[in-house]
Amino acid sequence: MELISVTHELTKPVEGKKIFSDDMREIMHIKLKEGGVINEHDSPKHVLIFVKSGEVAFTVNNEVHTINAETILHMEPYEKHALKALSDVSILVMKC
């Protein structure tokens, strides 16, 4: 068993921290200040987005989706996506 802390200080508009990684999975904790942007990119793995707090607009394949703590976003490998924080936001990103 392992307890993993998902807290880190937000010192820039966008701040990320890898909190877990092995050969098949990776989990990142990302914080964005309101208005913070991550430009379009993709991943060779499935991506699951869990919003801990706040609200974020994800653009996936040119469609905008608003994600919050009541929504989980799943993206297939190589789906192009970008995001913009609609408020201060804290998200967990799982790649598997």
C-alpha atoms as a PDB file:
ATOM      1  CA  MET A   1       0.000   0.000   0.000  1.00  0.00           C
ATOM      2  CA  GLU A   2       1.093   3.545  -0.683  1.00  0.00           C
ATOM      3  CA  LEU A   3      -0.460   6.891   0.195  1.00  0.00           C
ATOM      4  CA  ILE A   4       0.288   9.483  -2.469  1.00  0.00           C
ATOM      5  CA  SER A   5       0.009  13.194  -1.732  1.00  0.00           C
ATOM      6  CA  VAL A   6      -1.653  15.194  -4.492  1.00  0.00           C
ATOM      7  CA  THR A   7      -0.900  18.621  -3.065  1.00  0.00           C
ATOM      8  CA  HIS A   8       1.587  21.069  -4.458  1.00  0.00           C
ATOM      9  CA  GLU A   9       1.932  24.816  -4.457  1.00  0.00           C
ATOM     10  CA  LEU A  10       0.631  26.810  -7.407  1.00  0.00           C
ATOM     11  CA  THR A  11       3.335  29.337  -8.262  1.00  0.00           C
ATOM     12  CA  LYS A  12       2.615  29.840 -12.001  1.00  0.00           C
ATOM     13  CA  PRO A  13      -0.599  30.083 -14.069  1.00  0.00           C
ATOM     14  CA  VAL A  14      -0.117  26.374 -14.921  1.00  0.00           C
ATOM     15  CA  GLU A  15       1.669  23.979 -12.590  1.00  0.00           C
ATOM     16  CA  GLY A  16       1.998  20.195 -12.960  1.00  0.00           C
ATOM     17  CA  LYS A  17       3.463  17.435 -10.847  1.00  0.00           C
ATOM     18  CA  LYS A  18       3.859  13.736 -11.696  1.00  0.00           C
ATOM     19  CA  ILE A  19       2.533  11.839  -8.681  1.00  0.00           C
ATOM     20  CA  PHE A  20       2.699   8.252  -9.940  1.00  0.00           C
ATOM     21  CA  SER A  21       4.338   6.425 -12.820  1.00  0.00           C
ATOM     22  CA  ASP A  22       5.119   2.869 -13.836  1.00  0.00           C
ATOM     23  CA  ASP A  23       5.541   1.062 -17.183  1.00  0.00           C
ATOM     24  CA  MET A  24       1.816   1.202 -18.011  1.00  0.00           C
ATOM     25  CA  ARG A  25       0.311   4.161 -16.107  1.00  0.00           C
ATOM     26  CA  GLU A  26       1.007   7.742 -15.187  1.00  0.00           C
ATOM     27  CA  ILE A  27      -0.898  10.150 -12.964  1.00  0.00           C
ATOM     28  CA  MET A  28      -0.294  13.898 -13.020  1.00  0.00           C
ATOM     29  CA  HIS A  29      -1.744  16.545 -10.704  1.00  0.00           C
ATOM     30  CA  ILE A  30      -2.242  19.774 -12.634  1.00  0.00           C
ATOM     31  CA  LYS A  31      -3.340  23.118 -11.226  1.00  0.00           C
ATOM     32  CA  LEU A  32      -4.292  26.103 -13.349  1.00  0.00           C
ATOM     33  CA  LYS A  33      -5.238  29.611 -12.313  1.00  0.00           C
ATOM     34  CA  GLU A  34      -8.402  30.998 -13.903  1.00  0.00           C
ATOM     35  CA  GLY A  35      -7.615  31.714 -17.550  1.00  0.00           C
ATOM     36  CA  GLY A  36      -4.624  29.349 -17.587  1.00  0.00           C
ATOM     37  CA  VAL A  37      -4.218  27.461 -20.864  1.00  0.00           C
ATOM     38  CA  ILE A  38      -2.544  24.245 -21.997  1.00  0.00           C
ATOM     39  CA  ASN A  39      -2.134  24.268 -25.770  1.00  0.00           C
ATOM     40  CA  GLU A  40      -3.263  21.460 -28.078  1.00  0.00           C
ATOM     41  CA  HIS A  41      -1.399  18.172 -27.728  1.00  0.00           C
ATOM     42  CA  ASP A  42      -2.098  14.430 -27.660  1.00  0.00           C
ATOM     43  CA  SER A  43      -1.005  11.275 -25.888  1.00  0.00           C
ATOM     44  CA  PRO A  44      -0.224   7.785 -27.197  1.00  0.00           C
ATOM     45  CA  LYS A  45      -2.261   6.380 -24.275  1.00  0.00           C
ATOM     46  CA  HIS A  46      -5.860   6.544 -23.095  1.00  0.00           C
ATOM     47  CA  VAL A  47      -6.339   9.678 -20.969  1.00  0.00           C
ATOM     48  CA  LEU A  48      -8.803  10.092 -18.085  1.00  0.00           C
ATOM     49  CA  ILE A  49      -9.401  13.552 -16.594  1.00  0.00           C
ATOM     50  CA  PHE A  50     -10.731  13.868 -13.023  1.00  0.00           C
ATOM     51  CA  VAL A  51     -11.476  17.416 -11.833  1.00  0.00           C
ATOM     52  CA  LYS A  52     -10.867  17.793  -8.089  1.00  0.00           C
ATOM     53  CA  SER A  53     -12.042  21.409  -7.920  1.00  0.00           C
ATOM     54  CA  GLY A  54     -13.058  24.164 -10.304  1.00  0.00           C
ATOM     55  CA  GLU A  55     -14.201  24.018 -13.890  1.00  0.00           C
ATOM     56  CA  VAL A  56     -12.208  23.600 -17.079  1.00  0.00           C
ATOM     57  CA  ALA A  57     -13.052  23.821 -20.799  1.00  0.00           C
ATOM     58  CA  PHE A  58     -11.523  20.955 -22.792  1.00  0.00           C
ATOM     59  CA  THR A  59     -11.362  21.215 -26.553  1.00  0.00           C
ATOM     60  CA  VAL A  60     -11.230  17.692 -27.976  1.00  0.00           C
ATOM     61  CA  ASN A  61     -11.207  17.290 -31.765  1.00  0.00           C
ATOM     62  CA  ASN A  62     -12.416  20.904 -32.092  1.00  0.00           C
ATOM     63  CA  GLU A  63     -15.420  20.397 -29.747  1.00  0.00           C
ATOM     64  CA  VAL A  64     -15.515  22.246 -26.404  1.00  0.00           C
ATOM     65  CA  HIS A  65     -16.631  20.342 -23.287  1.00  0.00           C
ATOM     66  CA  THR A  66     -16.974  21.850 -19.802  1.00  0.00           C
ATOM     67  CA  ILE A  67     -15.622  19.466 -17.168  1.00  0.00           C
ATOM     68  CA  ASN A  68     -16.099  19.693 -13.388  1.00  0.00           C
ATOM     69  CA  ALA A  69     -15.976  17.413 -10.340  1.00  0.00           C
ATOM     70  CA  GLU A  70     -19.164  15.653 -11.481  1.00  0.00           C
ATOM     71  CA  THR A  71     -17.713  14.675 -14.877  1.00  0.00           C
ATOM     72  CA  ILE A  72     -14.902  12.366 -15.983  1.00  0.00           C
ATOM     73  CA  LEU A  73     -13.440  12.898 -19.442  1.00  0.00           C
ATOM     74  CA  HIS A  74     -12.020   9.899 -21.327  1.00  0.00           C
ATOM     75  CA  MET A  75      -9.954  10.415 -24.480  1.00  0.00           C
ATOM     76  CA  GLU A  76      -8.711   7.775 -26.875  1.00  0.00           C
ATOM     77  CA  PRO A  77      -5.007   7.597 -27.789  1.00  0.00           C
ATOM     78  CA  TYR A  78      -3.855  10.434 -30.080  1.00  0.00           C
ATOM     79  CA  GLU A  79      -7.035  12.526 -29.677  1.00  0.00           C
ATOM     80  CA  LYS A  80      -5.925  16.146 -29.978  1.00  0.00           C
ATOM     81  CA  HIS A  81      -6.950  18.220 -26.955  1.00  0.00           C
ATOM     82  CA  ALA A  82      -6.353  21.566 -25.251  1.00  0.00           C
ATOM     83  CA  LEU A  83      -7.752  23.140 -22.104  1.00  0.00           C
ATOM     84  CA  LYS A  84      -8.530  26.455 -20.474  1.00  0.00           C
ATOM     85  CA  ALA A  85      -9.323  26.971 -16.792  1.00  0.00           C
ATOM     86  CA  LEU A  86     -12.720  28.651 -16.335  1.00  0.00           C
ATOM     87  CA  SER A  87     -11.873  29.110 -12.633  1.00  0.00           C
ATOM     88  CA  ASP A  88      -8.908  28.103 -10.485  1.00  0.00           C
ATOM     89  CA  VAL A  89      -8.803  24.369 -11.162  1.00  0.00           C
ATOM     90  CA  SER A  90      -7.147  21.234  -9.817  1.00  0.00           C
ATOM     91  CA  ILE A  91      -7.223  18.114 -11.973  1.00  0.00           C
ATOM     92  CA  LEU A  92      -5.820  14.596 -11.971  1.00  0.00           C
ATOM     93  CA  VAL A  93      -4.742  13.233 -15.355  1.00  0.00           C
ATOM     94  CA  MET A  94      -4.391   9.467 -15.674  1.00  0.00           C
ATOM     95  CA  LYS A  95      -2.694   7.982 -18.742  1.00  0.00           C
ATOM     96  CA  CYS A  96      -2.981   4.242 -19.244  1.00  0.00           C
END
